[in-house]
């Protein structure tokens, strides 16, 4: 009979594999993307997958600091994506 900890361990392993696969696919889109917009979206997706990996690692290890780190990385990822998109569209970040 499986316990709740065994099921959590299985779910975490599946989440690690799925997020790692998504990260690899995003890296391929970053390298092969035909347009600049595809590459920007691939970078944003890589940030989101990285956040997921850090959260799953925090759950696995039971350390709460990882969740605070993900909040900081999420804010930086959003700002950098917006700044890069504005630079591509207008050629300048700050008007």
PDB file of N, CA and C in Angstrom:
ATOM      1  N   UNK A   1       0.839  -1.175   0.000  1.00  0.00           N
ATOM      2  CA  UNK A   1       0.000   0.000   0.000  1.00  0.00           C
ATOM      3  C   UNK A   1       0.888   1.244   0.000  1.00  0.00           C
ATOM      4  N   UNK A   2       0.546   2.189  -0.839  1.00  0.00           N
ATOM      5  CA  UNK A   2       1.352   3.403  -0.959  1.00  0.00           C
ATOM      6  C   UNK A   2       0.892   4.434   0.066  1.00  0.00           C
ATOM      7  N   UNK A   3       1.837   5.156   0.579  1.00  0.00           N
ATOM      8  CA  UNK A   3       1.516   6.213   1.532  1.00  0.00           C
ATOM      9  C   UNK A   3       1.480   7.550   0.812  1.00  0.00           C
ATOM     10  N   UNK A   4       1.105   8.574   1.564  1.00  0.00           N
ATOM     11  CA  UNK A   4       1.030   9.909   0.974  1.00  0.00           C
ATOM     12  C   UNK A   4       2.419  10.407   0.587  1.00  0.00           C
ATOM     13  N   UNK A   5       3.442  10.039   1.348  1.00  0.00           N
ATOM     14  CA  UNK A   5       4.804  10.468   1.028  1.00  0.00           C
ATOM     15  C   UNK A   5       5.298   9.813  -0.253  1.00  0.00           C
ATOM     16  N   UNK A   6       4.922   8.571  -0.470  1.00  0.00           N
ATOM     17  CA  UNK A   6       5.311   7.907  -1.715  1.00  0.00           C
ATOM     18  C   UNK A   6       4.650   8.581  -2.917  1.00  0.00           C
ATOM     19  N   UNK A   7       3.383   8.930  -2.771  1.00  0.00           N
ATOM     20  CA  UNK A   7       2.683   9.595  -3.870  1.00  0.00           C
ATOM     21  C   UNK A   7       3.256  10.990  -4.122  1.00  0.00           C
ATOM     22  N   UNK A   8       3.622  11.700  -3.042  1.00  0.00           N
ATOM     23  CA  UNK A   8       4.244  13.010  -3.205  1.00  0.00           C
ATOM     24  C   UNK A   8       5.586  12.890  -3.906  1.00  0.00           C
ATOM     25  N   UNK A   9       6.355  11.872  -3.562  1.00  0.00           N
ATOM     26  CA  UNK A   9       7.649  11.659  -4.207  1.00  0.00           C
ATOM     27  C   UNK A   9       7.480  11.362  -5.694  1.00  0.00           C
ATOM     28  N   UNK A  10       6.495  10.567  -6.030  1.00  0.00           N
ATOM     29  CA  UNK A  10       6.224  10.252  -7.437  1.00  0.00           C
ATOM     30  C   UNK A  10       5.782  11.515  -8.188  1.00  0.00           C
ATOM     31  N   UNK A  11       4.901  12.299  -7.569  1.00  0.00           N
ATOM     32  CA  UNK A  11       4.425  13.533  -8.207  1.00  0.00           C
ATOM     33  C   UNK A  11       5.570  14.521  -8.412  1.00  0.00           C
ATOM     34  N   UNK A  12       6.469  14.618  -7.436  1.00  0.00           N
ATOM     35  CA  UNK A  12       7.607  15.527  -7.579  1.00  0.00           C
ATOM     36  C   UNK A  12       8.556  15.074  -8.681  1.00  0.00           C
ATOM     37  N   UNK A  13       8.763  13.781  -8.802  1.00  0.00           N
ATOM     38  CA  UNK A  13       9.621  13.276  -9.883  1.00  0.00           C
ATOM     39  C   UNK A  13       9.003  13.557 -11.253  1.00  0.00           C
ATOM     40  N   UNK A  14       7.698  13.362 -11.369  1.00  0.00           N
ATOM     41  CA  UNK A  14       7.017  13.662 -12.631  1.00  0.00           C
ATOM     42  C   UNK A  14       7.114  15.154 -12.945  1.00  0.00           C
ATOM     43  N   UNK A  15       6.957  15.992 -11.915  1.00  0.00           N
ATOM     44  CA  UNK A  15       7.043  17.443 -12.119  1.00  0.00           C
ATOM     45  C   UNK A  15       8.450  17.856 -12.545  1.00  0.00           C
ATOM     46  N   UNK A  16       9.480  17.264 -11.922  1.00  0.00           N
ATOM     47  CA  UNK A  16      10.855  17.564 -12.327  1.00  0.00           C
ATOM     48  C   UNK A  16      11.078  17.216 -13.791  1.00  0.00           C
ATOM     49  N   UNK A  17      10.627  16.045 -14.202  1.00  0.00           N
ATOM     50  CA  UNK A  17      10.831  15.596 -15.585  1.00  0.00           C
ATOM     51  C   UNK A  17      10.066  16.491 -16.558  1.00  0.00           C
ATOM     52  N   UNK A  18       8.819  16.820 -16.225  1.00  0.00           N
ATOM     53  CA  UNK A  18       8.010  17.645 -17.121  1.00  0.00           C
ATOM     54  C   UNK A  18       8.595  19.049 -17.266  1.00  0.00           C
ATOM     55  N   UNK A  19       9.030  19.626 -16.156  1.00  0.00           N
ATOM     56  CA  UNK A  19       9.615  20.968 -16.222  1.00  0.00           C
ATOM     57  C   UNK A  19      10.960  20.964 -16.940  1.00  0.00           C
ATOM     58  N   UNK A  20      11.753  19.930 -16.733  1.00  0.00           N
ATOM     59  CA  UNK A  20      13.035  19.842 -17.439  1.00  0.00           C
ATOM     60  C   UNK A  20      12.804  19.678 -18.941  1.00  0.00           C
ATOM     61  N   UNK A  21      11.810  18.886 -19.308  1.00  0.00           N
ATOM     62  CA  UNK A  21      11.480  18.721 -20.729  1.00  0.00           C
ATOM     63  C   UNK A  21      11.006  20.047 -21.327  1.00  0.00           C
ATOM     64  N   UNK A  22      10.179  20.777 -20.588  1.00  0.00           N
ATOM     65  CA  UNK A  22       9.732  22.087 -21.057  1.00  0.00           C
ATOM     66  C   UNK A  22      10.886  23.064 -21.202  1.00  0.00           C
ATOM     67  N   UNK A  23      11.845  22.986 -20.288  1.00  0.00           N
ATOM     68  CA  UNK A  23      13.019  23.862 -20.365  1.00  0.00           C
ATOM     69  C   UNK A  23      13.846  23.539 -21.615  1.00  0.00           C
ATOM     70  N   UNK A  24      14.017  22.274 -21.901  1.00  0.00           N
ATOM     71  CA  UNK A  24      14.775  21.859 -23.091  1.00  0.00           C
ATOM     72  C   UNK A  24      14.065  22.317 -24.364  1.00  0.00           C
ATOM     73  N   UNK A  25      12.737  22.172 -24.398  1.00  0.00           N
ATOM     74  CA  UNK A  25      11.982  22.615 -25.573  1.00  0.00           C
ATOM     75  C   UNK A  25      12.078  24.136 -25.751  1.00  0.00           C
ATOM     76  N   UNK A  26      12.076  24.866 -24.642  1.00  0.00           N
ATOM     77  CA  UNK A  26      12.221  26.324 -24.730  1.00  0.00           C
ATOM     78  C   UNK A  26      13.604  26.715 -25.226  1.00  0.00           C
ATOM     79  N   UNK A  27      14.617  25.973 -24.809  1.00  0.00           N
ATOM     80  CA  UNK A  27      15.976  26.241 -25.298  1.00  0.00           C
ATOM     81  C   UNK A  27      16.078  25.995 -26.793  1.00  0.00           C
ATOM     82  N   UNK A  28      15.395  24.957 -27.268  1.00  0.00           N
ATOM     83  CA  UNK A  28      15.381  24.706 -28.712  1.00  0.00           C
ATOM     84  C   UNK A  28      14.678  25.840 -29.464  1.00  0.00           C
ATOM     85  N   UNK A  29      13.567  26.325 -28.912  1.00  0.00           N
ATOM     86  CA  UNK A  29      12.861  27.441 -29.556  1.00  0.00           C
ATOM     87  C   UNK A  29      13.716  28.700 -29.530  1.00  0.00           C
ATOM     88  N   UNK A  30      14.475  28.875 -28.462  1.00  0.00           N
ATOM     89  CA  UNK A  30      15.366  30.031 -28.387  1.00  0.00           C
ATOM     90  C   UNK A  30      16.439  29.960 -29.466  1.00  0.00           C
ATOM     91  N   UNK A  31      16.973  28.771 -29.694  1.00  0.00           N
ATOM     92  CA  UNK A  31      18.039  28.610 -30.683  1.00  0.00           C
ATOM     93  C   UNK A  31      17.501  28.611 -32.109  1.00  0.00           C
ATOM     94  N   UNK A  32      16.326  28.026 -32.323  1.00  0.00           N
ATOM     95  CA  UNK A  32      15.819  27.836 -33.682  1.00  0.00           C
ATOM     96  C   UNK A  32      14.700  28.800 -34.065  1.00  0.00           C
ATOM     97  N   UNK A  33      14.270  29.644 -33.137  1.00  0.00           N
ATOM     98  CA  UNK A  33      13.129  30.519 -33.403  1.00  0.00           C
ATOM     99  C   UNK A  33      13.315  31.355 -34.649  1.00  0.00           C
ATOM    100  N   UNK A  34      12.347  31.337 -35.553  1.00  0.00           N
ATOM    101  CA  UNK A  34      12.529  32.085 -36.802  1.00  0.00           C
ATOM    102  C   UNK A  34      12.448  33.598 -36.609  1.00  0.00           C
ATOM    103  N   UNK A  35      11.710  34.066 -35.605  1.00  0.00           N
ATOM    104  CA  UNK A  35      11.585  35.511 -35.415  1.00  0.00           C
ATOM    105  C   UNK A  35      12.090  35.904 -34.031  1.00  0.00           C
ATOM    106  N   UNK A  36      12.270  37.194 -33.866  1.00  0.00           N
ATOM    107  CA  UNK A  36      12.730  37.712 -32.573  1.00  0.00           C
ATOM    108  C   UNK A  36      11.642  37.542 -31.517  1.00  0.00           C
ATOM    109  N   UNK A  37      10.388  37.675 -31.920  1.00  0.00           N
ATOM    110  CA  UNK A  37       9.278  37.477 -30.988  1.00  0.00           C
ATOM    111  C   UNK A  37       9.241  36.076 -30.409  1.00  0.00           C
ATOM    112  N   UNK A  38       9.532  35.084 -31.250  1.00  0.00           N
ATOM    113  CA  UNK A  38       9.601  33.704 -30.766  1.00  0.00           C
ATOM    114  C   UNK A  38      10.711  33.536 -29.738  1.00  0.00           C
ATOM    115  N   UNK A  39      11.808  34.198 -29.957  1.00  0.00           N
ATOM    116  CA  UNK A  39      12.933  34.091 -29.016  1.00  0.00           C
ATOM    117  C   UNK A  39      12.618  34.783 -27.696  1.00  0.00           C
ATOM    118  N   UNK A  40      11.910  35.912 -27.738  1.00  0.00           N
ATOM    119  CA  UNK A  40      11.516  36.590 -26.507  1.00  0.00           C
ATOM    120  C   UNK A  40      10.551  35.719 -25.714  1.00  0.00           C
ATOM    121  N   UNK A  41       9.588  35.123 -26.398  1.00  0.00           N
ATOM    122  CA  UNK A  41       8.655  34.231 -25.722  1.00  0.00           C
ATOM    123  C   UNK A  41       9.356  32.997 -25.164  1.00  0.00           C
ATOM    124  N   UNK A  42      10.359  32.496 -25.861  1.00  0.00           N
ATOM    125  CA  UNK A  42      11.123  31.353 -25.360  1.00  0.00           C
ATOM    126  C   UNK A  42      11.879  31.723 -24.091  1.00  0.00           C
ATOM    127  N   UNK A  43      12.451  32.921 -24.047  1.00  0.00           N
ATOM    128  CA  UNK A  43      13.134  33.363 -22.831  1.00  0.00           C
ATOM    129  C   UNK A  43      12.162  33.495 -21.666  1.00  0.00           C
ATOM    130  N   UNK A  44      10.979  34.034 -21.921  1.00  0.00           N
ATOM    131  CA  UNK A  44       9.980  34.162 -20.866  1.00  0.00           C
ATOM    132  C   UNK A  44       9.519  32.788 -20.381  1.00  0.00           C
ATOM    133  N   UNK A  45       9.350  31.865 -21.293  1.00  0.00           N
ATOM    134  CA  UNK A  45       8.959  30.507 -20.917  1.00  0.00           C
ATOM    135  C   UNK A  45      10.061  29.814 -20.124  1.00  0.00           C
ATOM    136  N   UNK A  46      11.314  30.101 -20.470  1.00  0.00           N
ATOM    137  CA  UNK A  46      12.421  29.523 -19.702  1.00  0.00           C
ATOM    138  C   UNK A  46      12.433  30.053 -18.274  1.00  0.00           C
ATOM    139  N   UNK A  47      12.092  31.326 -18.092  1.00  0.00           N
ATOM    140  CA  UNK A  47      12.010  31.875 -16.739  1.00  0.00           C
ATOM    141  C   UNK A  47      10.907  31.182 -15.951  1.00  0.00           C
ATOM    142  N   UNK A  48       9.761  30.984 -16.581  1.00  0.00           N
ATOM    143  CA  UNK A  48       8.641  30.329 -15.904  1.00  0.00           C
ATOM    144  C   UNK A  48       8.986  28.880 -15.563  1.00  0.00           C
ATOM    145  N   UNK A  49       9.621  28.165 -16.481  1.00  0.00           N
ATOM    146  CA  UNK A  49      10.032  26.791 -16.185  1.00  0.00           C
ATOM    147  C   UNK A  49      11.076  26.746 -15.074  1.00  0.00           C
ATOM    148  N   UNK A  50      11.988  27.710 -15.072  1.00  0.00           N
ATOM    149  CA  UNK A  50      12.974  27.784 -13.995  1.00  0.00           C
ATOM    150  C   UNK A  50      12.312  28.036 -12.647  1.00  0.00           C
ATOM    151  N   UNK A  51      11.292  28.899 -12.640  1.00  0.00           N
ATOM    152  CA  UNK A  51      10.541  29.130 -11.413  1.00  0.00           C
ATOM    153  C   UNK A  51       9.873  27.850 -10.929  1.00  0.00           C
ATOM    154  N   UNK A  52       9.299  27.121 -11.859  1.00  0.00           N
ATOM    155  CA  UNK A  52       8.671  25.848 -11.490  1.00  0.00           C
ATOM    156  C   UNK A  52       9.664  24.863 -10.912  1.00  0.00           C
ATOM    157  N   UNK A  53      10.847  24.794 -11.507  1.00  0.00           N
ATOM    158  CA  UNK A  53      11.878  23.893 -10.989  1.00  0.00           C
ATOM    159  C   UNK A  53      12.310  24.287  -9.581  1.00  0.00           C
ATOM    160  N   UNK A  54      12.440  25.579  -9.330  1.00  0.00           N
ATOM    161  CA  UNK A  54      12.838  26.027  -7.999  1.00  0.00           C
ATOM    162  C   UNK A  54      11.746  25.732  -6.978  1.00  0.00           C
ATOM    163  N   UNK A  55      10.482  25.931  -7.347  1.00  0.00           N
ATOM    164  CA  UNK A  55       9.378  25.636  -6.429  1.00  0.00           C
ATOM    165  C   UNK A  55       9.321  24.148  -6.117  1.00  0.00           C
ATOM    166  N   UNK A  56       9.455  23.313  -7.130  1.00  0.00           N
ATOM    167  CA  UNK A  56       9.421  21.862  -6.906  1.00  0.00           C
ATOM    168  C   UNK A  56      10.611  21.434  -6.048  1.00  0.00           C
ATOM    169  N   UNK A  57      11.763  22.033  -6.271  1.00  0.00           N
ATOM    170  CA  UNK A  57      12.925  21.737  -5.432  1.00  0.00           C
ATOM    171  C   UNK A  57      12.678  22.157  -3.987  1.00  0.00           C
ATOM    172  N   UNK A  58      12.037  23.305  -3.791  1.00  0.00           N
ATOM    173  CA  UNK A  58      11.692  23.749  -2.443  1.00  0.00           C
ATOM    174  C   UNK A  58      10.728  22.817  -1.746  1.00  0.00           C
ATOM    175  N   UNK A  59       9.746  22.296  -2.484  1.00  0.00           N
ATOM    176  CA  UNK A  59       8.815  21.330  -1.908  1.00  0.00           C
ATOM    177  C   UNK A  59       9.547  20.043  -1.565  1.00  0.00           C
ATOM    178  N   UNK A  60      10.418  19.607  -2.454  1.00  0.00           N
ATOM    179  CA  UNK A  60      11.160  18.362  -2.245  1.00  0.00           C
ATOM    180  C   UNK A  60      12.064  18.439  -1.019  1.00  0.00           C
ATOM    181  N   UNK A  61      12.771  19.566  -0.860  1.00  0.00           N
ATOM    182  CA  UNK A  61      13.695  19.708   0.256  1.00  0.00           C
ATOM    183  C   UNK A  61      13.036  20.262   1.513  1.00  0.00           C
ATOM    184  N   UNK A  62      11.843  20.837   1.389  1.00  0.00           N
ATOM    185  CA  UNK A  62      11.134  21.378   2.535  1.00  0.00           C
ATOM    186  C   UNK A  62      11.715  22.684   3.045  1.00  0.00           C
ATOM    187  N   UNK A  63      12.361  23.442   2.175  1.00  0.00           N
ATOM    188  CA  UNK A  63      12.968  24.716   2.555  1.00  0.00           C
ATOM    189  C   UNK A  63      12.117  25.845   1.988  1.00  0.00           C
ATOM    190  N   UNK A  64      11.700  26.782   2.859  1.00  0.00           N
ATOM    191  CA  UNK A  64      10.788  27.834   2.436  1.00  0.00           C
ATOM    192  C   UNK A  64      11.478  29.021   1.777  1.00  0.00           C
ATOM    193  N   UNK A  65      12.784  29.114   1.869  1.00  0.00           N
ATOM    194  CA  UNK A  65      13.502  30.240   1.265  1.00  0.00           C
ATOM    195  C   UNK A  65      13.364  30.214  -0.255  1.00  0.00           C
ATOM    196  N   UNK A  66      13.245  29.031  -0.827  1.00  0.00           N
ATOM    197  CA  UNK A  66      13.115  28.914  -2.280  1.00  0.00           C
ATOM    198  C   UNK A  66      11.887  29.661  -2.803  1.00  0.00           C
ATOM    199  N   UNK A  67      10.820  29.718  -2.019  1.00  0.00           N
ATOM    200  CA  UNK A  67       9.610  30.383  -2.473  1.00  0.00           C
ATOM    201  C   UNK A  67       9.807  31.898  -2.541  1.00  0.00           C
ATOM    202  N   UNK A  68      10.568  32.447  -1.601  1.00  0.00           N
ATOM    203  CA  UNK A  68      10.879  33.865  -1.657  1.00  0.00           C
ATOM    204  C   UNK A  68      11.792  34.175  -2.837  1.00  0.00           C
ATOM    205  N   UNK A  69      12.709  33.272  -3.120  1.00  0.00           N
ATOM    206  CA  UNK A  69      13.607  33.442  -4.262  1.00  0.00           C
ATOM    207  C   UNK A  69      12.814  33.441  -5.556  1.00  0.00           C
ATOM    208  N   UNK A  70      11.814  32.580  -5.652  1.00  0.00           N
ATOM    209  CA  UNK A  70      11.012  32.536  -6.881  1.00  0.00           C
ATOM    210  C   UNK A  70      10.228  33.829  -7.085  1.00  0.00           C
ATOM    211  N   UNK A  71       9.784  34.463  -6.003  1.00  0.00           N
ATOM    212  CA  UNK A  71       9.092  35.747  -6.160  1.00  0.00           C
ATOM    213  C   UNK A  71      10.022  36.807  -6.743  1.00  0.00           C
ATOM    214  N   UNK A  72      11.245  36.850  -6.264  1.00  0.00           N
ATOM    215  CA  UNK A  72      12.208  37.814  -6.790  1.00  0.00           C
ATOM    216  C   UNK A  72      12.541  37.528  -8.252  1.00  0.00           C
ATOM    217  N   UNK A  73      12.761  36.273  -8.576  1.00  0.00           N
ATOM    218  CA  UNK A  73      13.084  35.914  -9.962  1.00  0.00           C
ATOM    219  C   UNK A  73      11.897  36.201 -10.886  1.00  0.00           C
ATOM    220  N   UNK A  74      10.674  35.978 -10.401  1.00  0.00           N
ATOM    221  CA  UNK A  74       9.493  36.256 -11.220  1.00  0.00           C
ATOM    222  C   UNK A  74       9.381  37.738 -11.544  1.00  0.00           C
ATOM    223  N   UNK A  75       9.644  38.585 -10.544  1.00  0.00           N
ATOM    224  CA  UNK A  75       9.597  40.028 -10.808  1.00  0.00           C
ATOM    225  C   UNK A  75      10.674  40.447 -11.795  1.00  0.00           C
ATOM    226  N   UNK A  76      11.878  39.944 -11.623  1.00  0.00           N
ATOM    227  CA  UNK A  76      12.963  40.282 -12.550  1.00  0.00           C
ATOM    228  C   UNK A  76      12.687  39.744 -13.951  1.00  0.00           C
ATOM    229  N   UNK A  77      12.122  38.545 -14.031  1.00  0.00           N
ATOM    230  CA  UNK A  77      11.802  37.967 -15.335  1.00  0.00           C
ATOM    231  C   UNK A  77      10.760  38.779 -16.079  1.00  0.00           C
ATOM    232  N   UNK A  78       9.736  39.239 -15.365  1.00  0.00           N
ATOM    233  CA  UNK A  78       8.694  40.041 -16.005  1.00  0.00           C
ATOM    234  C   UNK A  78       9.261  41.366 -16.504  1.00  0.00           C
ATOM    235  N   UNK A  79      10.014  42.042 -15.664  1.00  0.00           N
ATOM    236  CA  UNK A  79      10.576  43.342 -16.046  1.00  0.00           C
ATOM    237  C   UNK A  79      11.544  43.184 -17.216  1.00  0.00           C
ATOM    238  N   UNK A  80      12.363  42.146 -17.197  1.00  0.00           N
ATOM    239  CA  UNK A  80      13.317  41.967 -18.293  1.00  0.00           C
ATOM    240  C   UNK A  80      12.616  41.609 -19.594  1.00  0.00           C
ATOM    241  N   UNK A  81      11.537  40.854 -19.537  1.00  0.00           N
ATOM    242  CA  UNK A  81      10.794  40.531 -20.752  1.00  0.00           C
ATOM    243  C   UNK A  81      10.151  41.780 -21.346  1.00  0.00           C
ATOM    244  N   UNK A  82       9.562  42.596 -20.507  1.00  0.00           N
ATOM    245  CA  UNK A  82       8.947  43.838 -20.990  1.00  0.00           C
ATOM    246  C   UNK A  82      10.007  44.773 -21.564  1.00  0.00           C
ATOM    247  N   UNK A  83      11.143  44.883 -20.878  1.00  0.00           N
ATOM    248  CA  UNK A  83      12.210  45.769 -21.358  1.00  0.00           C
ATOM    249  C   UNK A  83      12.755  45.285 -22.702  1.00  0.00           C
ATOM    250  N   UNK A  84      12.950  43.982 -22.839  1.00  0.00           N
ATOM    251  CA  UNK A  84      13.465  43.446 -24.104  1.00  0.00           C
ATOM    252  C   UNK A  84      12.462  43.647 -25.235  1.00  0.00           C
ATOM    253  N   UNK A  85      11.182  43.434 -24.956  1.00  0.00           N
ATOM    254  CA  UNK A  85      10.163  43.633 -25.985  1.00  0.00           C
ATOM    255  C   UNK A  85      10.077  45.102 -26.400  1.00  0.00           C
ATOM    256  N   UNK A  86      10.164  46.007 -25.442  1.00  0.00           N
ATOM    257  CA  UNK A  86      10.150  47.441 -25.782  1.00  0.00           C
ATOM    258  C   UNK A  86      11.379  47.824 -26.586  1.00  0.00           C
ATOM    259  N   UNK A  87      12.515  47.248 -26.251  1.00  0.00           N
ATOM    260  CA  UNK A  87      13.736  47.564 -27.003  1.00  0.00           C
ATOM    261  C   UNK A  87      13.628  47.063 -28.434  1.00  0.00           C
ATOM    262  N   UNK A  88      13.063  45.887 -28.622  1.00  0.00           N
ATOM    263  CA  UNK A  88      12.913  45.342 -29.979  1.00  0.00           C
ATOM    264  C   UNK A  88      11.916  46.189 -30.770  1.00  0.00           C
ATOM    265  N   UNK A  89      10.818  46.601 -30.153  1.00  0.00           N
ATOM    266  CA  UNK A  89       9.796  47.360 -30.877  1.00  0.00           C
ATOM    267  C   UNK A  89      10.210  48.799 -31.150  1.00  0.00           C
ATOM    268  N   UNK A  90      10.812  49.484 -30.169  1.00  0.00           N
ATOM    269  CA  UNK A  90      11.044  50.911 -30.294  1.00  0.00           C
ATOM    270  C   UNK A  90      12.514  51.281 -30.408  1.00  0.00           C
ATOM    271  N   UNK A  91      13.403  50.372 -30.037  1.00  0.00           N
ATOM    272  CA  UNK A  91      14.824  50.692 -30.090  1.00  0.00           C
ATOM    273  C   UNK A  91      15.326  51.418 -28.861  1.00  0.00           C
ATOM    274  N   UNK A  92      14.420  51.691 -27.918  1.00  0.00           N
ATOM    275  CA  UNK A  92      14.793  52.385 -26.693  1.00  0.00           C
ATOM    276  C   UNK A  92      13.915  51.865 -25.562  1.00  0.00           C
ATOM    277  N   UNK A  93      14.491  51.707 -24.388  1.00  0.00           N
ATOM    278  CA  UNK A  93      13.726  51.168 -23.261  1.00  0.00           C
ATOM    279  C   UNK A  93      13.030  52.289 -22.504  1.00  0.00           C
ATOM    280  N   UNK A  94      13.769  53.353 -22.201  1.00  0.00           N
ATOM    281  CA  UNK A  94      13.225  54.472 -21.441  1.00  0.00           C
ATOM    282  C   UNK A  94      13.044  55.652 -22.382  1.00  0.00           C
ATOM    283  N   UNK A  95      11.864  56.202 -22.378  1.00  0.00           N
ATOM    284  CA  UNK A  95      11.572  57.327 -23.263  1.00  0.00           C
ATOM    285  C   UNK A  95      11.920  58.634 -22.625  1.00  0.00           C
TER     286      UNK A  95
END
